[in-house]
Amino acid sequence: MSLAPVTAPDAKRLVEKGAILVDIRDSEEHARQRIVGARHHPLDALTTLEGIPAPIIFHCRSGRRTADNAARLRAATENEAYILEGGIEAWRRAGLPVIEDRTQPLEMGRQVQIAAGTLVLVGVLLGSFFAPRFYVLSGLVGAGLIFAGLSGWCGMARLLDLMPWNRREAV
């Protein structure tokens, strides 16, 4: 038995009838933006959802994570269960209530993308306008990203995690 996709308006109707929204995103994503009333059960810690006597609607940011992990989510509950098509993005586009806390830091993956992109761009610009040796900066960032992808360890993420804006309490 797989998880049926449900649109945001249909999910809202199901919630009004007692269904439970379950947010499977990471804690930092949930702290920054969440659907009003959604329960938070991060995918990496989700094993089983016992004691919920209602249909469950799983959601992530765009719907891809829930779709990619549908079998695992299905195994976590014996209840009737759905995937929110388009995730929280579709929920918001439908004009449904979302809590946003922009005082919370961006997700670490996005911070790494911003930092890496900035460093590569700076390396290319400095290399183009001042001295070719600055291209090494872009090369080092690229090598670091390759290493992070292969090893699962990202030095830039570790460094960014120490920054003051990442020291706030998660909700």
Protein backbone atom coordinates (compact mmCIF):
# COMPACT_ATOMS: atom_id res chain seq x y z
CA MET A 1 0.00 0.00 0.00
CA SER A 2 1.59 3.30 -1.07
CA LEU A 3 0.95 6.88 -0.03
CA ALA A 4 -1.55 8.76 -2.17
CA PRO A 5 -0.71 12.33 -3.10
CA VAL A 6 -3.13 15.00 -1.91
CA THR A 7 -3.32 18.65 -2.98
CA ALA A 8 -3.04 21.45 -0.43
CA PRO A 9 -6.77 22.35 -0.52
CA ASP A 10 -7.72 18.68 -0.16
CA ALA A 11 -5.19 18.29 2.67
CA LYS A 12 -6.74 21.29 4.43
CA ARG A 13 -10.18 19.65 4.17
CA LEU A 14 -8.76 16.40 5.58
CA VAL A 15 -7.15 18.31 8.47
CA GLU A 16 -10.49 19.98 9.21
CA LYS A 17 -11.94 16.45 9.46
CA GLY A 18 -9.22 15.35 11.91
CA ALA A 19 -6.21 14.34 9.80
CA ILE A 20 -2.78 15.15 11.22
CA LEU A 21 -0.05 16.95 9.26
CA VAL A 22 3.42 15.54 9.91
CA ASP A 23 6.44 17.62 8.91
CA ILE A 24 9.41 15.35 8.10
CA ARG A 25 11.92 18.15 7.46
CA ASP A 26 14.99 18.85 9.60
CA SER A 27 14.64 20.84 12.79
CA GLU A 28 16.25 23.95 11.32
CA GLU A 29 13.83 23.95 8.39
CA HIS A 30 10.86 23.46 10.71
CA ALA A 31 12.02 26.25 13.05
CA ARG A 32 12.22 28.76 10.19
CA GLN A 33 8.90 27.88 8.50
CA ARG A 34 6.08 25.50 9.36
CA ILE A 35 2.44 24.80 8.67
CA VAL A 36 0.16 25.85 11.49
CA GLY A 37 -0.70 22.78 13.57
CA ALA A 38 1.75 20.40 11.88
CA ARG A 39 3.58 17.93 14.11
CA HIS A 40 7.32 17.70 13.64
CA HIS A 41 8.86 14.24 13.17
CA PRO A 42 12.19 14.61 11.30
CA LEU A 43 12.73 11.91 8.69
CA ASP A 44 16.15 10.96 10.02
CA ALA A 45 14.63 10.12 13.44
CA LEU A 46 11.26 8.78 12.29
CA THR A 47 10.65 5.15 13.10
CA THR A 48 6.99 4.80 13.99
CA LEU A 49 4.00 7.04 14.59
CA GLU A 50 1.99 5.16 17.16
CA GLY A 51 -0.94 6.62 19.04
CA ILE A 52 -2.19 8.89 16.28
CA PRO A 53 -5.79 7.76 15.70
CA ALA A 54 -6.28 9.73 12.50
CA PRO A 55 -5.17 9.85 8.89
CA ILE A 56 -1.67 11.29 8.45
CA ILE A 57 -0.52 13.71 5.79
CA PHE A 58 3.27 13.78 5.47
CA HIS A 59 4.96 16.87 4.10
CA CYS A 60 8.37 18.33 3.38
CA ARG A 61 9.40 21.51 1.55
CA SER A 62 8.55 20.59 -2.04
CA GLY A 63 7.09 17.10 -1.85
CA ARG A 64 10.14 15.37 -3.26
CA ARG A 65 11.56 14.14 0.05
CA THR A 66 8.22 12.63 1.03
CA ALA A 67 7.82 10.99 -2.38
CA ASP A 68 11.39 9.62 -2.29
CA ASN A 69 10.78 8.15 1.17
CA ALA A 70 7.18 7.00 0.68
CA ALA A 71 7.91 3.37 1.56
CA ARG A 72 9.62 4.35 4.82
CA LEU A 73 6.79 6.74 5.70
CA ARG A 74 4.19 4.10 4.87
CA ALA A 75 5.98 1.68 7.20
CA ALA A 76 5.92 4.25 10.04
CA THR A 77 2.14 4.15 10.41
CA GLU A 78 -0.75 1.78 10.06
CA ASN A 79 -3.12 4.71 9.53
CA GLU A 80 -4.49 5.98 6.29
CA ALA A 81 -1.66 8.20 5.02
CA TYR A 82 -1.01 10.73 2.28
CA ILE A 83 1.77 12.88 0.86
CA LEU A 84 1.15 16.62 0.56
CA GLU A 85 1.75 17.23 -3.14
CA GLY A 86 4.17 20.13 -3.53
CA GLY A 87 4.91 20.24 0.21
CA ILE A 88 4.82 23.37 2.29
CA GLU A 89 5.50 25.43 -0.85
CA ALA A 90 2.19 24.29 -2.36
CA TRP A 91 0.44 24.87 0.97
CA ARG A 92 1.66 28.47 1.00
CA ARG A 93 0.82 29.02 -2.69
CA ALA A 94 -2.74 27.90 -1.88
CA GLY A 95 -2.95 30.74 0.64
CA LEU A 96 -3.08 28.42 3.64
CA PRO A 97 -1.56 29.45 7.01
CA VAL A 98 2.19 29.12 7.49
CA ILE A 99 4.26 30.34 10.42
CA GLU A 100 7.51 31.99 9.36
CA ASP A 101 10.26 32.91 11.79
CA ARG A 102 12.89 34.76 9.82
CA THR A 103 14.92 35.24 12.99
CA GLN A 104 15.85 31.54 12.68
CA PRO A 105 18.92 30.80 10.52
CA LEU A 106 18.65 29.42 7.01
CA GLU A 107 19.08 25.67 6.67
CA MET A 108 22.75 24.68 6.71
CA GLY A 109 22.62 23.32 3.16
CA ARG A 110 21.48 26.69 1.86
CA GLN A 111 24.13 28.49 3.90
CA VAL A 112 26.81 26.26 2.37
CA GLN A 113 25.46 26.94 -1.13
CA ILE A 114 25.52 30.69 -0.55
CA ALA A 115 29.01 30.66 0.96
CA ALA A 116 30.46 28.33 -1.68
CA GLY A 117 28.87 30.27 -4.54
CA THR A 118 30.16 33.55 -3.13
CA LEU A 119 33.70 32.21 -2.74
CA VAL A 120 33.73 30.76 -6.27
CA LEU A 121 32.44 34.02 -7.73
CA VAL A 122 34.98 36.09 -5.77
CA GLY A 123 37.79 33.75 -6.89
CA VAL A 124 36.76 34.06 -10.54
CA LEU A 125 36.38 37.84 -10.39
CA LEU A 126 39.69 38.34 -8.59
CA GLY A 127 41.38 35.94 -11.01
CA SER A 128 39.93 37.75 -14.01
CA PHE A 129 40.63 41.31 -12.89
CA PHE A 130 43.72 41.10 -10.68
CA ALA A 131 45.83 37.96 -10.78
CA PRO A 132 45.23 34.43 -12.11
CA ARG A 133 46.43 32.93 -8.80
CA PHE A 134 43.04 33.85 -7.29
CA TYR A 135 41.47 31.08 -9.38
CA VAL A 136 42.94 28.74 -6.76
CA LEU A 137 40.22 29.93 -4.36
CA SER A 138 37.50 28.67 -6.72
CA GLY A 139 39.37 25.41 -7.19
CA LEU A 140 39.69 24.86 -3.46
CA VAL A 141 35.98 25.45 -2.93
CA GLY A 142 35.17 23.01 -5.73
CA ALA A 143 37.51 20.41 -4.23
CA GLY A 144 35.90 20.92 -0.82
CA LEU A 145 32.43 20.37 -2.28
CA ILE A 146 33.58 17.20 -4.03
CA PHE A 147 35.10 15.94 -0.78
CA ALA A 148 31.88 16.77 1.12
CA GLY A 149 29.81 14.89 -1.43
CA LEU A 150 32.04 11.83 -1.34
CA SER A 151 32.69 11.68 2.40
CA GLY A 152 29.53 13.15 3.91
CA TRP A 153 31.66 15.58 5.95
CA CYS A 154 31.51 19.28 5.06
CA GLY A 155 34.12 21.53 6.62
CA MET A 156 32.29 24.63 5.43
CA ALA A 157 29.11 23.50 7.20
CA ARG A 158 31.11 22.87 10.38
CA LEU A 159 32.60 26.36 10.15
CA LEU A 160 29.23 27.99 9.41
CA ASP A 161 27.69 26.12 12.34
CA LEU A 162 30.01 28.09 14.64
CA MET A 163 28.77 31.46 13.36
CA PRO A 164 26.71 33.59 15.77
CA TRP A 165 23.57 33.57 13.60
CA ASN A 166 23.42 29.77 13.98
CA ARG A 167 23.41 29.94 17.77
CA ARG A 168 19.66 30.60 18.17
CA GLU A 169 17.34 28.18 19.85
CA ALA A 170 15.29 26.03 17.48
CA VAL A 171 11.53 25.97 18.00
